Amino acid sequence: MKFLLIITSNPFAKDFSTVVNLTRELVKRGEVAIFFSGNGAYYTIRPETKELKELGARLLYCAHSAHQRGIEKPLEFFESSSTYNLSRFIKDYDKVINFN
């Protein structure tokens, strides 16, 4: 099964521990991708997000959202993407969960 988490809340929200715990369980059941957009782009500069990558999740972010927030150099384990790309590949996932 393929899971997609869409994160638009900032990394200081209570969602981070939920995202980590959910990712830990979902990778046991299939592929996990996490897309960061809006204020979620701030996750791309937070070192603790490496735990998500180490769990086996694919980490993508909206480059436009990052640029709007002044993020010039996301951490190296994030993949640059866009909400347009998200709209194209969202159909490939069995389950989609949004954190806002």
N, C-alpha and C. Protein backbone atom coordinates (compact mmCIF):
# COMPACT_ATOMS: atom_id res chain seq x y z
N MET A 1 0.84 -1.17 0.00
CA MET A 1 0.00 0.00 0.00
C MET A 1 0.89 1.24 0.00
N LYS A 2 0.40 2.31 -0.64
CA LYS A 2 1.16 3.56 -0.72
C LYS A 2 0.42 4.65 0.04
N PHE A 3 1.17 5.32 0.93
CA PHE A 3 0.60 6.36 1.78
C PHE A 3 1.25 7.70 1.47
N LEU A 4 0.43 8.75 1.47
CA LEU A 4 0.93 10.10 1.27
C LEU A 4 0.43 10.97 2.41
N LEU A 5 1.36 11.62 3.09
CA LEU A 5 1.02 12.59 4.11
C LEU A 5 1.31 13.97 3.54
N ILE A 6 0.35 14.88 3.67
CA ILE A 6 0.54 16.25 3.21
C ILE A 6 0.56 17.13 4.45
N ILE A 7 1.66 17.85 4.63
CA ILE A 7 1.85 18.67 5.82
C ILE A 7 1.84 20.14 5.43
N THR A 8 0.87 20.88 5.95
CA THR A 8 0.83 22.32 5.70
C THR A 8 0.96 23.12 7.00
N SER A 9 1.00 22.41 8.13
CA SER A 9 1.16 23.09 9.42
C SER A 9 2.65 23.31 9.70
N ASN A 10 2.96 24.30 10.52
CA ASN A 10 4.36 24.59 10.80
C ASN A 10 4.96 23.53 11.75
N PRO A 11 6.27 23.40 11.77
CA PRO A 11 6.91 22.34 12.56
C PRO A 11 6.80 22.54 14.06
N PHE A 12 6.30 23.67 14.49
CA PHE A 12 6.15 23.91 15.92
C PHE A 12 4.77 23.48 16.41
N ALA A 13 3.93 23.04 15.47
CA ALA A 13 2.60 22.55 15.84
C ALA A 13 2.75 21.19 16.52
N LYS A 14 1.71 20.77 17.16
CA LYS A 14 1.73 19.48 17.87
C LYS A 14 1.77 18.29 16.92
N ASP A 15 1.65 18.53 15.61
CA ASP A 15 1.57 17.45 14.64
C ASP A 15 2.87 16.67 14.46
N PHE A 16 4.01 17.25 14.77
CA PHE A 16 5.27 16.58 14.43
C PHE A 16 5.39 15.20 15.06
N SER A 17 5.12 15.06 16.33
CA SER A 17 5.24 13.74 16.96
C SER A 17 4.21 12.77 16.38
N THR A 18 3.05 13.26 16.02
CA THR A 18 2.04 12.41 15.38
C THR A 18 2.54 11.93 14.02
N VAL A 19 3.13 12.83 13.25
CA VAL A 19 3.66 12.46 11.94
C VAL A 19 4.76 11.41 12.09
N VAL A 20 5.65 11.57 13.04
CA VAL A 20 6.73 10.60 13.26
C VAL A 20 6.15 9.24 13.64
N ASN A 21 5.24 9.22 14.60
CA ASN A 21 4.66 7.95 15.04
C ASN A 21 3.84 7.28 13.94
N LEU A 22 3.09 8.06 13.19
CA LEU A 22 2.32 7.51 12.08
C LEU A 22 3.23 6.96 11.00
N THR A 23 4.28 7.69 10.66
CA THR A 23 5.24 7.23 9.65
C THR A 23 5.90 5.93 10.10
N ARG A 24 6.27 5.86 11.35
CA ARG A 24 6.89 4.64 11.89
C ARG A 24 5.99 3.42 11.65
N GLU A 25 4.71 3.58 11.82
CA GLU A 25 3.77 2.46 11.63
C GLU A 25 3.47 2.21 10.15
N LEU A 26 3.32 3.28 9.38
CA LEU A 26 2.95 3.12 7.97
C LEU A 26 4.05 2.48 7.13
N VAL A 27 5.32 2.76 7.43
CA VAL A 27 6.40 2.16 6.64
C VAL A 27 6.43 0.64 6.81
N LYS A 28 5.83 0.14 7.87
CA LYS A 28 5.72 -1.32 8.05
C LYS A 28 4.69 -1.91 7.10
N ARG A 29 3.82 -1.07 6.56
CA ARG A 29 2.71 -1.53 5.74
C ARG A 29 2.86 -1.16 4.26
N GLY A 30 3.90 -0.40 3.94
CA GLY A 30 4.09 -0.01 2.54
C GLY A 30 4.97 1.21 2.39
N GLU A 31 4.83 1.87 1.24
CA GLU A 31 5.61 3.06 0.92
C GLU A 31 4.97 4.30 1.55
N VAL A 32 5.82 5.21 2.01
CA VAL A 32 5.33 6.46 2.60
C VAL A 32 6.06 7.63 1.95
N ALA A 33 5.26 8.60 1.51
CA ALA A 33 5.82 9.87 1.03
C ALA A 33 5.18 10.97 1.86
N ILE A 34 5.97 12.00 2.14
CA ILE A 34 5.47 13.14 2.90
C ILE A 34 5.76 14.39 2.08
N PHE A 35 4.70 15.16 1.82
CA PHE A 35 4.81 16.38 1.02
C PHE A 35 4.58 17.58 1.93
N PHE A 36 5.54 18.50 1.96
CA PHE A 36 5.49 19.68 2.81
C PHE A 36 5.18 20.91 1.96
N SER A 37 4.12 21.62 2.31
CA SER A 37 3.71 22.79 1.55
C SER A 37 3.23 23.88 2.51
N GLY A 38 3.09 25.10 2.02
CA GLY A 38 2.66 26.19 2.88
C GLY A 38 3.63 26.35 4.03
N ASN A 39 3.12 26.53 5.25
CA ASN A 39 4.00 26.64 6.41
C ASN A 39 4.73 25.33 6.71
N GLY A 40 4.28 24.24 6.14
CA GLY A 40 4.98 22.97 6.28
C GLY A 40 6.37 23.01 5.67
N ALA A 41 6.62 23.97 4.78
CA ALA A 41 7.94 24.11 4.16
C ALA A 41 9.02 24.38 5.21
N TYR A 42 8.63 24.91 6.36
CA TYR A 42 9.62 25.16 7.42
C TYR A 42 10.24 23.86 7.94
N TYR A 43 9.58 22.74 7.74
CA TYR A 43 10.16 21.45 8.14
C TYR A 43 11.48 21.19 7.42
N THR A 44 11.63 21.76 6.22
CA THR A 44 12.82 21.48 5.41
C THR A 44 14.12 22.01 5.99
N ILE A 45 14.03 22.82 7.03
CA ILE A 45 15.24 23.35 7.67
C ILE A 45 15.38 22.86 9.11
N ARG A 46 14.55 21.94 9.50
CA ARG A 46 14.57 21.41 10.86
C ARG A 46 15.32 20.07 10.89
N PRO A 47 16.47 19.99 11.55
CA PRO A 47 17.27 18.77 11.57
C PRO A 47 16.53 17.54 12.09
N GLU A 48 15.58 17.72 12.99
CA GLU A 48 14.88 16.55 13.54
C GLU A 48 14.03 15.82 12.50
N THR A 49 13.80 16.44 11.35
CA THR A 49 13.04 15.76 10.30
C THR A 49 13.83 14.62 9.67
N LYS A 50 15.12 14.57 9.92
CA LYS A 50 15.93 13.47 9.39
C LYS A 50 15.40 12.13 9.88
N GLU A 51 14.79 12.12 11.04
CA GLU A 51 14.21 10.89 11.58
C GLU A 51 13.17 10.30 10.61
N LEU A 52 12.40 11.17 9.95
CA LEU A 52 11.41 10.69 8.98
C LEU A 52 12.08 9.99 7.81
N LYS A 53 13.18 10.56 7.34
CA LYS A 53 13.94 9.95 6.23
C LYS A 53 14.53 8.62 6.67
N GLU A 54 15.08 8.58 7.89
CA GLU A 54 15.67 7.36 8.41
C GLU A 54 14.64 6.25 8.61
N LEU A 55 13.40 6.63 8.82
CA LEU A 55 12.32 5.64 8.93
C LEU A 55 11.96 5.05 7.57
N GLY A 56 12.38 5.72 6.50
CA GLY A 56 12.14 5.20 5.16
C GLY A 56 11.16 6.00 4.33
N ALA A 57 10.75 7.15 4.82
CA ALA A 57 9.81 7.99 4.07
C ALA A 57 10.53 8.81 3.01
N ARG A 58 9.83 9.04 1.91
CA ARG A 58 10.31 9.96 0.87
C ARG A 58 9.81 11.35 1.26
N LEU A 59 10.69 12.33 1.30
CA LEU A 59 10.34 13.67 1.74
C LEU A 59 10.41 14.65 0.57
N LEU A 60 9.27 15.25 0.24
CA LEU A 60 9.18 16.21 -0.84
C LEU A 60 8.67 17.54 -0.30
N TYR A 61 8.99 18.62 -0.96
CA TYR A 61 8.48 19.91 -0.52
C TYR A 61 8.15 20.79 -1.73
N CYS A 62 7.25 21.73 -1.50
CA CYS A 62 6.89 22.70 -2.53
C CYS A 62 7.96 23.79 -2.55
N ALA A 63 8.71 23.86 -3.62
CA ALA A 63 9.79 24.84 -3.74
C ALA A 63 9.25 26.27 -3.70
N HIS A 64 8.08 26.50 -4.24
CA HIS A 64 7.49 27.83 -4.22
C HIS A 64 7.16 28.25 -2.79
N SER A 65 6.59 27.34 -2.01
CA SER A 65 6.29 27.64 -0.61
C SER A 65 7.56 27.96 0.16
N ALA A 66 8.62 27.20 -0.10
CA ALA A 66 9.90 27.43 0.58
C ALA A 66 10.45 28.80 0.20
N HIS A 67 10.40 29.10 -1.08
CA HIS A 67 10.91 30.40 -1.55
C HIS A 67 10.13 31.55 -0.91
N GLN A 68 8.81 31.44 -0.85
CA GLN A 68 7.97 32.48 -0.24
C GLN A 68 8.34 32.73 1.22
N ARG A 69 8.84 31.71 1.89
CA ARG A 69 9.18 31.81 3.31
C ARG A 69 10.66 32.08 3.54
N GLY A 70 11.39 32.37 2.47
CA GLY A 70 12.79 32.73 2.60
C GLY A 70 13.73 31.56 2.85
N ILE A 71 13.28 30.37 2.55
CA ILE A 71 14.11 29.18 2.75
C ILE A 71 14.93 28.98 1.48
N GLU A 72 16.22 29.19 1.60
CA GLU A 72 17.09 29.12 0.43
C GLU A 72 17.78 27.77 0.28
N LYS A 73 18.02 27.09 1.41
CA LYS A 73 18.77 25.84 1.34
C LYS A 73 18.12 24.80 2.26
N PRO A 74 17.15 24.06 1.72
CA PRO A 74 16.56 22.97 2.51
C PRO A 74 17.61 21.89 2.79
N LEU A 75 17.38 21.10 3.80
CA LEU A 75 18.28 20.00 4.13
C LEU A 75 18.37 19.05 2.94
N GLU A 76 19.52 18.41 2.78
CA GLU A 76 19.84 17.64 1.58
C GLU A 76 18.96 16.42 1.34
N PHE A 77 18.25 15.94 2.32
CA PHE A 77 17.44 14.74 2.13
C PHE A 77 16.01 15.05 1.67
N PHE A 78 15.69 16.31 1.44
CA PHE A 78 14.39 16.70 0.90
C PHE A 78 14.47 16.81 -0.62
N GLU A 79 13.39 16.42 -1.30
CA GLU A 79 13.30 16.52 -2.75
C GLU A 79 12.44 17.73 -3.12
N SER A 80 12.97 18.58 -3.97
CA SER A 80 12.21 19.74 -4.44
C SER A 80 11.08 19.28 -5.36
N SER A 81 9.91 19.87 -5.17
CA SER A 81 8.76 19.53 -5.99
C SER A 81 7.85 20.76 -6.06
N SER A 82 6.59 20.53 -6.38
CA SER A 82 5.62 21.64 -6.48
C SER A 82 4.22 21.10 -6.21
N THR A 83 3.29 22.00 -5.95
CA THR A 83 1.91 21.55 -5.77
C THR A 83 1.34 21.04 -7.08
N TYR A 84 1.86 21.53 -8.20
CA TYR A 84 1.45 20.98 -9.50
C TYR A 84 1.84 19.50 -9.58
N ASN A 85 3.09 19.19 -9.20
CA ASN A 85 3.51 17.78 -9.20
C ASN A 85 2.66 16.95 -8.24
N LEU A 86 2.34 17.54 -7.08
CA LEU A 86 1.48 16.86 -6.12
C LEU A 86 0.14 16.50 -6.77
N SER A 87 -0.44 17.43 -7.49
CA SER A 87 -1.73 17.18 -8.14
C SER A 87 -1.64 16.07 -9.18
N ARG A 88 -0.47 15.88 -9.75
CA ARG A 88 -0.29 14.83 -10.76
C ARG A 88 -0.06 13.45 -10.14
N PHE A 89 0.66 13.37 -9.00
CA PHE A 89 0.96 12.05 -8.44
C PHE A 89 0.08 11.63 -7.28
N ILE A 90 -0.81 12.49 -6.82
CA ILE A 90 -1.65 12.15 -5.68
C ILE A 90 -2.53 10.92 -5.98
N LYS A 91 -2.90 10.76 -7.24
CA LYS A 91 -3.74 9.62 -7.64
C LYS A 91 -3.03 8.28 -7.51
N ASP A 92 -1.70 8.29 -7.40
CA ASP A 92 -0.92 7.07 -7.29
C ASP A 92 -0.89 6.49 -5.88
N TYR A 93 -1.47 7.20 -4.93
CA TYR A 93 -1.45 6.76 -3.53
C TYR A 93 -2.79 6.19 -3.12
N ASP A 94 -2.72 5.15 -2.29
CA ASP A 94 -3.93 4.49 -1.81
C ASP A 94 -4.61 5.28 -0.70
N LYS A 95 -3.83 5.90 0.15
CA LYS A 95 -4.35 6.68 1.28
C LYS A 95 -3.61 8.01 1.34
N VAL A 96 -4.38 9.08 1.55
CA VAL A 96 -3.81 10.42 1.67
C VAL A 96 -4.32 11.03 2.97
N ILE A 97 -3.39 11.54 3.78
CA ILE A 97 -3.73 12.17 5.05
C ILE A 97 -3.13 13.56 5.05
N ASN A 98 -3.97 14.54 5.40
CA ASN A 98 -3.52 15.93 5.42
C ASN A 98 -3.43 16.45 6.85
N PHE A 99 -2.31 17.08 7.16
CA PHE A 99 -2.12 17.74 8.46
C PHE A 99 -2.08 19.23 8.22
N ASN A 100 -3.05 19.95 8.79
CA ASN A 100 -3.11 21.38 8.60
C ASN A 100 -3.26 22.08 9.94
